[in-house]
N, C-alpha and C. Protein backbone atom coordinates (compact mmCIF):
# COMPACT_ATOMS: atom_id res chain seq x y z
N MET A 1 -44.49 -2.94 40.10
CA MET A 1 -43.65 -3.00 41.27
C MET A 1 -43.50 -1.58 41.81
N HIS A 2 -43.53 -1.46 43.11
CA HIS A 2 -43.40 -0.16 43.75
C HIS A 2 -41.99 0.39 43.52
N PRO A 3 -41.84 1.69 43.27
CA PRO A 3 -40.51 2.24 42.97
C PRO A 3 -39.49 2.01 44.08
N GLU A 4 -39.93 2.10 45.34
CA GLU A 4 -38.99 1.88 46.44
C GLU A 4 -38.48 0.44 46.46
N THR A 5 -39.34 -0.50 46.16
CA THR A 5 -38.94 -1.91 46.11
C THR A 5 -37.95 -2.13 44.98
N HIS A 6 -38.23 -1.52 43.85
CA HIS A 6 -37.33 -1.64 42.70
C HIS A 6 -35.95 -1.07 43.05
N LEU A 7 -35.94 0.07 43.74
CA LEU A 7 -34.67 0.70 44.12
C LEU A 7 -33.90 -0.18 45.10
N GLN A 8 -34.59 -0.79 46.05
CA GLN A 8 -33.92 -1.68 47.00
C GLN A 8 -33.33 -2.90 46.30
N LEU A 9 -34.08 -3.47 45.36
CA LEU A 9 -33.54 -4.62 44.60
C LEU A 9 -32.32 -4.22 43.79
N HIS A 10 -32.36 -3.03 43.22
CA HIS A 10 -31.22 -2.53 42.45
C HIS A 10 -30.00 -2.35 43.36
N ASP A 11 -30.21 -1.80 44.54
CA ASP A 11 -29.10 -1.61 45.48
C ASP A 11 -28.50 -2.95 45.91
N LEU A 12 -29.35 -3.93 46.17
CA LEU A 12 -28.86 -5.25 46.56
C LEU A 12 -28.05 -5.89 45.44
N ARG A 13 -28.56 -5.79 44.22
CA ARG A 13 -27.86 -6.39 43.08
C ARG A 13 -26.53 -5.70 42.81
N SER A 14 -26.49 -4.37 42.92
CA SER A 14 -25.23 -3.66 42.68
C SER A 14 -24.21 -3.99 43.76
N ALA A 15 -24.65 -4.14 45.01
CA ALA A 15 -23.72 -4.54 46.07
C ALA A 15 -23.18 -5.94 45.81
N GLU A 16 -24.05 -6.84 45.34
CA GLU A 16 -23.61 -8.19 45.03
C GLU A 16 -22.59 -8.19 43.89
N LEU A 17 -22.82 -7.40 42.88
CA LEU A 17 -21.87 -7.33 41.75
C LEU A 17 -20.54 -6.73 42.19
N ARG A 18 -20.58 -5.74 43.08
CA ARG A 18 -19.33 -5.17 43.59
C ARG A 18 -18.53 -6.22 44.37
N ARG A 19 -19.22 -7.04 45.18
CA ARG A 19 -18.53 -8.09 45.92
C ARG A 19 -17.89 -9.09 44.97
N HIS A 20 -18.62 -9.46 43.91
CA HIS A 20 -18.06 -10.40 42.93
C HIS A 20 -16.84 -9.79 42.23
N ALA A 21 -16.90 -8.51 41.93
CA ALA A 21 -15.77 -7.85 41.28
C ALA A 21 -14.56 -7.82 42.21
N ASP A 22 -14.79 -7.55 43.48
CA ASP A 22 -13.68 -7.54 44.44
C ASP A 22 -13.08 -8.94 44.57
N ASP A 23 -13.93 -9.96 44.64
CA ASP A 23 -13.43 -11.33 44.72
C ASP A 23 -12.63 -11.70 43.47
N PHE A 24 -13.09 -11.27 42.32
CA PHE A 24 -12.38 -11.56 41.07
C PHE A 24 -11.02 -10.90 41.07
N ARG A 25 -10.96 -9.65 41.55
CA ARG A 25 -9.68 -8.94 41.60
C ARG A 25 -8.70 -9.64 42.54
N LEU A 26 -9.21 -10.22 43.64
CA LEU A 26 -8.32 -10.92 44.58
C LEU A 26 -7.80 -12.22 43.98
N VAL A 27 -8.64 -12.91 43.22
CA VAL A 27 -8.24 -14.19 42.64
C VAL A 27 -7.35 -14.00 41.42
N HIS A 28 -7.65 -12.98 40.62
CA HIS A 28 -6.92 -12.72 39.37
C HIS A 28 -6.23 -11.36 39.42
N PRO A 29 -5.14 -11.25 40.18
CA PRO A 29 -4.47 -9.95 40.23
C PRO A 29 -3.80 -9.64 38.89
N ARG A 30 -3.77 -8.39 38.55
CA ARG A 30 -3.09 -7.98 37.31
C ARG A 30 -1.60 -7.96 37.56
N SER A 31 -0.85 -8.34 36.54
CA SER A 31 0.60 -8.39 36.69
C SER A 31 1.19 -6.99 36.76
N ASP A 32 0.64 -6.05 36.03
CA ASP A 32 1.13 -4.68 36.09
C ASP A 32 0.21 -3.87 37.00
N ALA A 33 0.79 -3.12 37.90
CA ALA A 33 -0.01 -2.37 38.87
C ALA A 33 -0.60 -1.12 38.25
N GLY A 34 -0.02 -0.60 37.19
CA GLY A 34 -0.49 0.63 36.58
C GLY A 34 -1.65 0.38 35.64
N PRO A 35 -2.23 1.46 35.15
CA PRO A 35 -3.35 1.30 34.22
C PRO A 35 -2.87 0.74 32.88
N ARG A 36 -3.76 0.07 32.22
CA ARG A 36 -3.41 -0.52 30.93
C ARG A 36 -3.22 0.59 29.89
N THR A 37 -2.25 0.38 29.03
CA THR A 37 -2.02 1.36 27.96
C THR A 37 -2.89 0.96 26.78
N PRO A 38 -3.69 1.88 26.28
CA PRO A 38 -4.54 1.53 25.14
C PRO A 38 -3.71 1.36 23.88
N ARG A 39 -4.14 0.44 23.07
CA ARG A 39 -3.45 0.22 21.80
C ARG A 39 -4.12 1.08 20.74
N THR A 40 -4.01 2.38 20.92
CA THR A 40 -4.73 3.29 20.06
C THR A 40 -4.20 3.27 18.63
N ASP A 41 -2.91 3.05 18.46
CA ASP A 41 -2.36 3.07 17.11
C ASP A 41 -2.97 1.97 16.27
N MET A 42 -3.02 0.75 16.79
CA MET A 42 -3.58 -0.37 16.05
C MET A 42 -5.08 -0.18 15.84
N ARG A 43 -5.78 0.27 16.87
CA ARG A 43 -7.22 0.49 16.75
C ARG A 43 -7.53 1.58 15.74
N THR A 44 -6.74 2.63 15.72
CA THR A 44 -6.97 3.71 14.77
C THR A 44 -6.76 3.23 13.35
N ARG A 45 -5.68 2.50 13.12
CA ARG A 45 -5.43 2.00 11.76
C ARG A 45 -6.52 1.04 11.32
N LEU A 46 -6.93 0.14 12.23
CA LEU A 46 -7.99 -0.80 11.88
C LEU A 46 -9.30 -0.07 11.60
N GLY A 47 -9.61 0.92 12.43
CA GLY A 47 -10.85 1.67 12.23
C GLY A 47 -10.88 2.38 10.89
N TRP A 48 -9.80 3.06 10.54
CA TRP A 48 -9.78 3.78 9.27
C TRP A 48 -9.77 2.82 8.08
N THR A 49 -9.15 1.66 8.24
CA THR A 49 -9.19 0.66 7.17
C THR A 49 -10.61 0.17 6.95
N MET A 50 -11.34 -0.05 8.05
CA MET A 50 -12.74 -0.48 7.92
C MET A 50 -13.60 0.60 7.28
N VAL A 51 -13.35 1.85 7.62
CA VAL A 51 -14.10 2.95 7.00
C VAL A 51 -13.80 3.00 5.51
N GLU A 52 -12.55 2.88 5.16
CA GLU A 52 -12.17 2.93 3.74
C GLU A 52 -12.82 1.78 2.97
N MET A 53 -12.83 0.58 3.54
CA MET A 53 -13.46 -0.55 2.87
C MET A 53 -14.96 -0.34 2.73
N GLY A 54 -15.57 0.20 3.77
CA GLY A 54 -17.00 0.46 3.72
C GLY A 54 -17.35 1.48 2.65
N LEU A 55 -16.52 2.50 2.51
CA LEU A 55 -16.78 3.51 1.50
C LEU A 55 -16.62 2.93 0.10
N ARG A 56 -15.74 1.97 -0.05
CA ARG A 56 -15.59 1.34 -1.37
C ARG A 56 -16.76 0.44 -1.70
N LEU A 57 -17.42 -0.11 -0.68
CA LEU A 57 -18.54 -1.01 -0.91
C LEU A 57 -19.84 -0.26 -1.20
N ILE A 58 -19.91 1.01 -0.82
CA ILE A 58 -21.12 1.78 -1.06
C ILE A 58 -21.22 2.06 -2.56
N PRO A 59 -22.36 1.78 -3.16
CA PRO A 59 -22.48 2.05 -4.60
C PRO A 59 -22.42 3.55 -4.87
N ASP A 60 -21.85 3.88 -6.01
CA ASP A 60 -21.72 5.29 -6.40
C ASP A 60 -23.07 5.79 -6.87
N ARG A 61 -23.67 6.70 -6.17
CA ARG A 61 -25.00 7.23 -6.49
C ARG A 61 -24.96 8.22 -7.65
N SER A 62 -23.80 8.79 -7.94
CA SER A 62 -23.74 9.78 -9.01
C SER A 62 -23.92 9.13 -10.38
N ALA A 63 -23.61 7.86 -10.53
CA ALA A 63 -23.72 7.18 -11.81
C ALA A 63 -25.18 6.79 -12.12
N ALA A 64 -25.99 6.61 -11.10
CA ALA A 64 -27.38 6.20 -11.30
C ALA A 64 -28.24 7.41 -11.62
N PRO A 65 -29.17 7.26 -12.55
CA PRO A 65 -30.05 8.39 -12.84
C PRO A 65 -30.98 8.66 -11.66
N SER A 66 -31.19 9.92 -11.41
CA SER A 66 -32.06 10.26 -10.29
C SER A 66 -33.51 10.33 -10.78
N ARG A 67 -34.41 9.77 -10.01
CA ARG A 67 -35.82 9.79 -10.35
C ARG A 67 -36.58 10.48 -9.23
N ALA A 68 -37.64 11.14 -9.61
CA ALA A 68 -38.48 11.74 -8.60
C ALA A 68 -39.30 10.64 -7.94
N PRO A 69 -39.52 10.73 -6.64
CA PRO A 69 -40.29 9.68 -5.98
C PRO A 69 -41.73 9.67 -6.49
N ARG A 70 -42.29 8.46 -6.54
CA ARG A 70 -43.67 8.33 -6.99
C ARG A 70 -44.61 8.77 -5.89
N THR A 71 -45.61 9.46 -6.21
CA THR A 71 -46.63 9.89 -5.24
C THR A 71 -47.89 9.09 -5.37
N ALA A 72 -48.55 8.51 -5.54
CA ALA A 72 -49.76 7.74 -5.62
C ALA A 72 -49.84 6.87 -6.79
């Protein structure tokens, strides 16, 4: 496909998506006019809990004997 044709199709699609977004905003107005407040406290706690669980699931490599990799 020619680059100019690809660019025109991209512009048309992005304009169409913007129109859909505007229509959605008109149909579904947000109750609060201000920006949403992120729930960083809960996300941070959940994230660190997942990291801690992941670290517990990783096998301890210090207990296993180390071997040199085989070459041929």
